PDB file of N, CA and C in Angstrom:
ATOM      1  N   MET A   1     -11.759 -14.575 -13.852  1.00  0.00           N
ATOM      2  CA  MET A   1     -11.387 -13.495 -12.962  1.00  0.00           C
ATOM      3  C   MET A   1      -9.901 -13.186 -13.158  1.00  0.00           C
ATOM      4  N   ALA A   2      -9.580 -11.929 -13.351  1.00  0.00           N
ATOM      5  CA  ALA A   2      -8.195 -11.517 -13.568  1.00  0.00           C
ATOM      6  C   ALA A   2      -7.387 -11.644 -12.284  1.00  0.00           C
ATOM      7  N   LYS A   3      -6.067 -11.740 -12.449  1.00  0.00           N
ATOM      8  CA  LYS A   3      -5.183 -11.886 -11.305  1.00  0.00           C
ATOM      9  C   LYS A   3      -5.354 -10.746 -10.295  1.00  0.00           C
ATOM     10  N   ALA A   4      -5.518  -9.516 -10.784  1.00  0.00           N
ATOM     11  CA  ALA A   4      -5.666  -8.353  -9.899  1.00  0.00           C
ATOM     12  C   ALA A   4      -6.932  -8.456  -9.057  1.00  0.00           C
ATOM     13  N   ASP A   5      -7.931  -9.187  -9.522  1.00  0.00           N
ATOM     14  CA  ASP A   5      -9.178  -9.339  -8.771  1.00  0.00           C
ATOM     15  C   ASP A   5      -8.991 -10.192  -7.516  1.00  0.00           C
ATOM     16  N   HIS A   6      -7.908 -10.953  -7.453  1.00  0.00           N
ATOM     17  CA  HIS A   6      -7.632 -11.793  -6.293  1.00  0.00           C
ATOM     18  C   HIS A   6      -6.781 -11.063  -5.267  1.00  0.00           C
ATOM     19  N   LYS A   7      -6.260  -9.912  -5.619  1.00  0.00           N
ATOM     20  CA  LYS A   7      -5.418  -9.136  -4.715  1.00  0.00           C
ATOM     21  C   LYS A   7      -6.289  -8.284  -3.794  1.00  0.00           C
ATOM     22  N   TRP A   8      -5.667  -7.784  -2.741  1.00  0.00           N
ATOM     23  CA  TRP A   8      -6.356  -6.977  -1.739  1.00  0.00           C
ATOM     24  C   TRP A   8      -5.899  -5.533  -1.839  1.00  0.00           C
ATOM     25  N   TYR A   9      -6.811  -4.612  -1.542  1.00  0.00           N
ATOM     26  CA  TYR A   9      -6.548  -3.179  -1.644  1.00  0.00           C
ATOM     27  C   TYR A   9      -7.077  -2.457  -0.416  1.00  0.00           C
ATOM     28  N   TYR A  10      -6.428  -1.331  -0.112  1.00  0.00           N
ATOM     29  CA  TYR A  10      -6.864  -0.475   0.987  1.00  0.00           C
ATOM     30  C   TYR A  10      -7.371   0.829   0.397  1.00  0.00           C
ATOM     31  N   ASN A  11      -8.564   1.248   0.804  1.00  0.00           N
ATOM     32  CA  ASN A  11      -9.152   2.488   0.325  1.00  0.00           C
ATOM     33  C   ASN A  11      -8.861   3.572   1.364  1.00  0.00           C
ATOM     34  N   VAL A  12      -8.047   4.565   1.004  1.00  0.00           N
ATOM     35  CA  VAL A  12      -7.649   5.608   1.950  1.00  0.00           C
ATOM     36  C   VAL A  12      -8.801   6.555   2.279  1.00  0.00           C
ATOM     37  N   ALA A  13      -9.791   6.661   1.422  1.00  0.00           N
ATOM     38  CA  ALA A  13     -10.934   7.546   1.671  1.00  0.00           C
ATOM     39  C   ALA A  13     -11.890   6.954   2.706  1.00  0.00           C
ATOM     40  N   THR A  14     -12.074   5.643   2.653  1.00  0.00           N
ATOM     41  CA  THR A  14     -13.060   4.999   3.532  1.00  0.00           C
ATOM     42  C   THR A  14     -12.429   4.154   4.632  1.00  0.00           C
ATOM     43  N   GLY A  15     -11.159   3.772   4.466  1.00  0.00           N
ATOM     44  CA  GLY A  15     -10.504   2.888   5.428  1.00  0.00           C
ATOM     45  C   GLY A  15     -10.885   1.433   5.246  1.00  0.00           C
ATOM     46  N   GLU A  16     -11.602   1.136   4.171  1.00  0.00           N
ATOM     47  CA  GLU A  16     -12.045  -0.234   3.915  1.00  0.00           C
ATOM     48  C   GLU A  16     -11.004  -1.023   3.143  1.00  0.00           C
ATOM     49  N   VAL A  17     -11.008  -2.318   3.377  1.00  0.00           N
ATOM     50  CA  VAL A  17     -10.163  -3.258   2.644  1.00  0.00           C
ATOM     51  C   VAL A  17     -11.075  -4.067   1.743  1.00  0.00           C
ATOM     52  N   THR A  18     -10.700  -4.174   0.473  1.00  0.00           N
ATOM     53  CA  THR A  18     -11.521  -4.910  -0.484  1.00  0.00           C
ATOM     54  C   THR A  18     -10.660  -5.868  -1.294  1.00  0.00           C
ATOM     55  N   GLN A  19     -11.293  -6.892  -1.795  1.00  0.00           N
ATOM     56  CA  GLN A  19     -10.615  -7.797  -2.706  1.00  0.00           C
ATOM     57  C   GLN A  19     -11.012  -7.388  -4.109  1.00  0.00           C
ATOM     58  N   GLY A  20     -10.026  -7.095  -4.920  1.00  0.00           N
ATOM     59  CA  GLY A  20     -10.274  -6.582  -6.254  1.00  0.00           C
ATOM     60  C   GLY A  20     -10.336  -5.069  -6.240  1.00  0.00           C
ATOM     61  N   LYS A  21     -10.278  -4.491  -7.417  1.00  0.00           N
ATOM     62  CA  LYS A  21     -10.255  -3.036  -7.562  1.00  0.00           C
ATOM     63  C   LYS A  21     -11.677  -2.485  -7.448  1.00  0.00           C
ATOM     64  N   GLN A  22     -12.105  -2.209  -6.223  1.00  0.00           N
ATOM     65  CA  GLN A  22     -13.463  -1.733  -5.977  1.00  0.00           C
ATOM     66  C   GLN A  22     -13.563  -0.212  -5.997  1.00  0.00           C
ATOM     67  N   SER A  23     -12.425   0.470  -5.897  1.00  0.00           N
ATOM     68  CA  SER A  23     -12.447   1.935  -5.869  1.00  0.00           C
ATOM     69  C   SER A  23     -11.483   2.472  -6.921  1.00  0.00           C
ATOM     70  N   GLY A  24     -11.587   3.770  -7.164  1.00  0.00           N
ATOM     71  CA  GLY A  24     -10.718   4.408  -8.141  1.00  0.00           C
ATOM     72  C   GLY A  24      -9.269   4.445  -7.683  1.00  0.00           C
ATOM     73  N   TRP A  25      -8.374   4.614  -8.621  1.00  0.00           N
ATOM     74  CA  TRP A  25      -6.939   4.593  -8.329  1.00  0.00           C
ATOM     75  C   TRP A  25      -6.530   5.688  -7.354  1.00  0.00           C
ATOM     76  N   GLU A  26      -7.240   6.821  -7.326  1.00  0.00           N
ATOM     77  CA  GLU A  26      -6.836   7.946  -6.498  1.00  0.00           C
ATOM     78  C   GLU A  26      -7.020   7.675  -4.998  1.00  0.00           C
ATOM     79  N   ASN A  27      -7.814   6.670  -4.643  1.00  0.00           N
ATOM     80  CA  ASN A  27      -8.040   6.323  -3.237  1.00  0.00           C
ATOM     81  C   ASN A  27      -7.553   4.929  -2.872  1.00  0.00           C
ATOM     82  N   ARG A  28      -6.914   4.249  -3.803  1.00  0.00           N
ATOM     83  CA  ARG A  28      -6.590   2.830  -3.626  1.00  0.00           C
ATOM     84  C   ARG A  28      -5.099   2.619  -3.408  1.00  0.00           C
ATOM     85  N   MET A  29      -4.758   1.867  -2.361  1.00  0.00           N
ATOM     86  CA  MET A  29      -3.380   1.432  -2.132  1.00  0.00           C
ATOM     87  C   MET A  29      -3.342  -0.072  -2.351  1.00  0.00           C
ATOM     88  N   GLY A  30      -2.297  -0.531  -3.004  1.00  0.00           N
ATOM     89  CA  GLY A  30      -2.167  -1.954  -3.243  1.00  0.00           C
ATOM     90  C   GLY A  30      -1.671  -2.195  -4.646  1.00  0.00           C
ATOM     91  N   PRO A  31      -1.625  -3.390  -5.045  1.00  0.00           N
ATOM     92  CA  PRO A  31      -2.256  -4.564  -4.460  1.00  0.00           C
ATOM     93  C   PRO A  31      -1.395  -5.203  -3.365  1.00  0.00           C
ATOM     94  N   TYR A  32      -2.074  -5.923  -2.497  1.00  0.00           N
ATOM     95  CA  TYR A  32      -1.443  -6.706  -1.438  1.00  0.00           C
ATOM     96  C   TYR A  32      -1.867  -8.154  -1.604  1.00  0.00           C
ATOM     97  N   ASP A  33      -1.032  -9.059  -1.117  1.00  0.00           N
ATOM     98  CA  ASP A  33      -1.305 -10.487  -1.289  1.00  0.00           C
ATOM     99  C   ASP A  33      -2.347 -11.018  -0.318  1.00  0.00           C
ATOM    100  N   SER A  34      -2.563 -10.324   0.806  1.00  0.00           N
ATOM    101  CA  SER A  34      -3.524 -10.817   1.783  1.00  0.00           C
ATOM    102  C   SER A  34      -4.358  -9.666   2.343  1.00  0.00           C
ATOM    103  N   GLU A  35      -5.491 -10.019   2.907  1.00  0.00           N
ATOM    104  CA  GLU A  35      -6.356  -9.030   3.539  1.00  0.00           C
ATOM    105  C   GLU A  35      -5.633  -8.374   4.713  1.00  0.00           C
ATOM    106  N   GLU A  36      -4.930  -9.159   5.494  1.00  0.00           N
ATOM    107  CA  GLU A  36      -4.196  -8.640   6.649  1.00  0.00           C
ATOM    108  C   GLU A  36      -3.142  -7.620   6.222  1.00  0.00           C
ATOM    109  N   GLU A  37      -2.424  -7.930   5.176  1.00  0.00           N
ATOM    110  CA  GLU A  37      -1.415  -7.005   4.664  1.00  0.00           C
ATOM    111  C   GLU A  37      -2.074  -5.691   4.212  1.00  0.00           C
ATOM    112  N   ALA A  38      -3.215  -5.777   3.548  1.00  0.00           N
ATOM    113  CA  ALA A  38      -3.927  -4.580   3.102  1.00  0.00           C
ATOM    114  C   ALA A  38      -4.398  -3.751   4.287  1.00  0.00           C
ATOM    115  N   ARG A  39      -4.787  -4.407   5.374  1.00  0.00           N
ATOM    116  CA  ARG A  39      -5.221  -3.687   6.577  1.00  0.00           C
ATOM    117  C   ARG A  39      -4.092  -2.840   7.163  1.00  0.00           C
ATOM    118  N   HIS A  40      -2.872  -3.228   6.892  1.00  0.00           N
ATOM    119  CA  HIS A  40      -1.709  -2.511   7.412  1.00  0.00           C
ATOM    120  C   HIS A  40      -1.033  -1.658   6.336  1.00  0.00           C
ATOM    121  N   ALA A  41      -1.780  -1.289   5.320  1.00  0.00           N
ATOM    122  CA  ALA A  41      -1.223  -0.540   4.188  1.00  0.00           C
ATOM    123  C   ALA A  41      -0.550   0.762   4.631  1.00  0.00           C
ATOM    124  N   LEU A  42      -1.176   1.488   5.532  1.00  0.00           N
ATOM    125  CA  LEU A  42      -0.593   2.760   5.976  1.00  0.00           C
ATOM    126  C   LEU A  42       0.692   2.534   6.768  1.00  0.00           C
ATOM    127  N   ASP A  43       0.727   1.487   7.592  1.00  0.00           N
ATOM    128  CA  ASP A  43       1.943   1.160   8.339  1.00  0.00           C
ATOM    129  C   ASP A  43       3.064   0.750   7.396  1.00  0.00           C
ATOM    130  N   ILE A  44       2.722  -0.040   6.398  1.00  0.00           N
ATOM    131  CA  ILE A  44       3.710  -0.488   5.412  1.00  0.00           C
ATOM    132  C   ILE A  44       4.268   0.708   4.660  1.00  0.00           C
ATOM    133  N   ALA A  45       3.395   1.624   4.252  1.00  0.00           N
ATOM    134  CA  ALA A  45       3.842   2.824   3.538  1.00  0.00           C
ATOM    135  C   ALA A  45       4.754   3.671   4.428  1.00  0.00           C
ATOM    136  N   GLU A  46       4.399   3.799   5.699  1.00  0.00           N
ATOM    137  CA  GLU A  46       5.223   4.570   6.637  1.00  0.00           C
ATOM    138  C   GLU A  46       6.614   3.951   6.787  1.00  0.00           C
ATOM    139  N   GLN A  47       6.662   2.626   6.902  1.00  0.00           N
ATOM    140  CA  GLN A  47       7.946   1.936   7.023  1.00  0.00           C
ATOM    141  C   GLN A  47       8.792   2.097   5.760  1.00  0.00           C
ATOM    142  N   ARG A  48       8.160   1.977   4.609  1.00  0.00           N
ATOM    143  CA  ARG A  48       8.879   2.127   3.339  1.00  0.00           C
ATOM    144  C   ARG A  48       9.392   3.558   3.179  1.00  0.00           C
ATOM    145  N   ASN A  49       8.584   4.535   3.572  1.00  0.00           N
ATOM    146  CA  ASN A  49       9.014   5.934   3.494  1.00  0.00           C
ATOM    147  C   ASN A  49      10.189   6.194   4.422  1.00  0.00           C
ATOM    148  N   ALA A  50      10.150   5.641   5.632  1.00  0.00           N
ATOM    149  CA  ALA A  50      11.246   5.815   6.579  1.00  0.00           C
ATOM    150  C   ALA A  50      12.526   5.196   6.028  1.00  0.00           C
ATOM    151  N   ALA A  51      12.425   4.028   5.417  1.00  0.00           N
ATOM    152  CA  ALA A  51      13.600   3.374   4.832  1.00  0.00           C
ATOM    153  C   ALA A  51      14.157   4.202   3.678  1.00  0.00           C
ATOM    154  N   ALA A  52      13.271   4.744   2.845  1.00  0.00           N
ATOM    155  CA  ALA A  52      13.723   5.575   1.717  1.00  0.00           C
ATOM    156  C   ALA A  52      14.357   6.863   2.225  1.00  0.00           C
ATOM    157  N   ASP A  53      13.789   7.469   3.269  1.00  0.00           N
ATOM    158  CA  ASP A  53      14.369   8.678   3.858  1.00  0.00           C
ATOM    159  C   ASP A  53      15.754   8.402   4.420  1.00  0.00           C
ATOM    160  N   ALA A  54      15.922   7.253   5.055  1.00  0.00           N
ATOM    161  CA  ALA A  54      17.226   6.879   5.605  1.00  0.00           C
ATOM    162  C   ALA A  54      18.245   6.707   4.488  1.00  0.00           C
ATOM    163  N   GLN A  55      17.829   6.106   3.386  1.00  0.00           N
ATOM    164  CA  GLN A  55      18.733   5.957   2.242  1.00  0.00           C
ATOM    165  C   GLN A  55      19.104   7.317   1.665  1.00  0.00           C
ATOM    166  N   ASP A  56      18.141   8.226   1.600  1.00  0.00           N
ATOM    167  CA  ASP A  56      18.422   9.580   1.121  1.00  0.00           C
ATOM    168  C   ASP A  56      19.427  10.284   2.026  1.00  0.00           C
ATOM    169  N   ASP A  57      19.229  10.131   3.336  1.00  0.00           N
ATOM    170  CA  ASP A  57      20.153  10.752   4.292  1.00  0.00           C
ATOM    171  C   ASP A  57      21.561  10.195   4.128  1.00  0.00           C
ATOM    172  N   GLU A  58      21.661   8.868   3.929  1.00  0.00           N
ATOM    173  CA  GLU A  58      22.956   8.234   3.695  1.00  0.00           C
ATOM    174  C   GLU A  58      23.613   8.800   2.426  1.00  0.00           C
ATOM    175  N   TRP A  59      22.825   8.914   1.391  1.00  0.00           N
ATOM    176  CA  TRP A  59      23.335   9.407   0.113  1.00  0.00           C
ATOM    177  C   TRP A  59      23.804  10.843   0.260  1.00  0.00           C
ATOM    178  N   ASP A  60      23.043  11.675   0.996  1.00  0.00           N
ATOM    179  CA  ASP A  60      23.404  13.081   1.210  1.00  0.00           C
ATOM    180  C   ASP A  60      24.702  13.211   1.985  1.00  0.00           C
ATOM    181  N   GLU A  61      24.977  12.250   2.897  1.00  0.00           N
ATOM    182  CA  GLU A  61      26.185  12.298   3.709  1.00  0.00           C
ATOM    183  C   GLU A  61      27.431  11.935   2.925  1.00  0.00           C
ATOM    184  N   ASP A  62      27.269  11.202   1.832  1.00  0.00           N
ATOM    185  CA  ASP A  62      28.438  10.773   1.043  1.00  0.00           C
ATOM    186  C   ASP A  62      28.950  11.846   0.186  1.00  0.00           C
TER     187      ASP A  62
END
């Protein structure tokens, strides 16, 4: 079993969390190290986007 098969993924089309690449790349977020982390994929993405937006705002101010 490949290393990626042990990782967890979130399917944005179905809202399901799977271990291994069960869906196509266009609907898959991940990989994540745990099932719990994959369940929070949308929250993690939102937090990362907010952090990147804040960095952009900082850069624009300089």
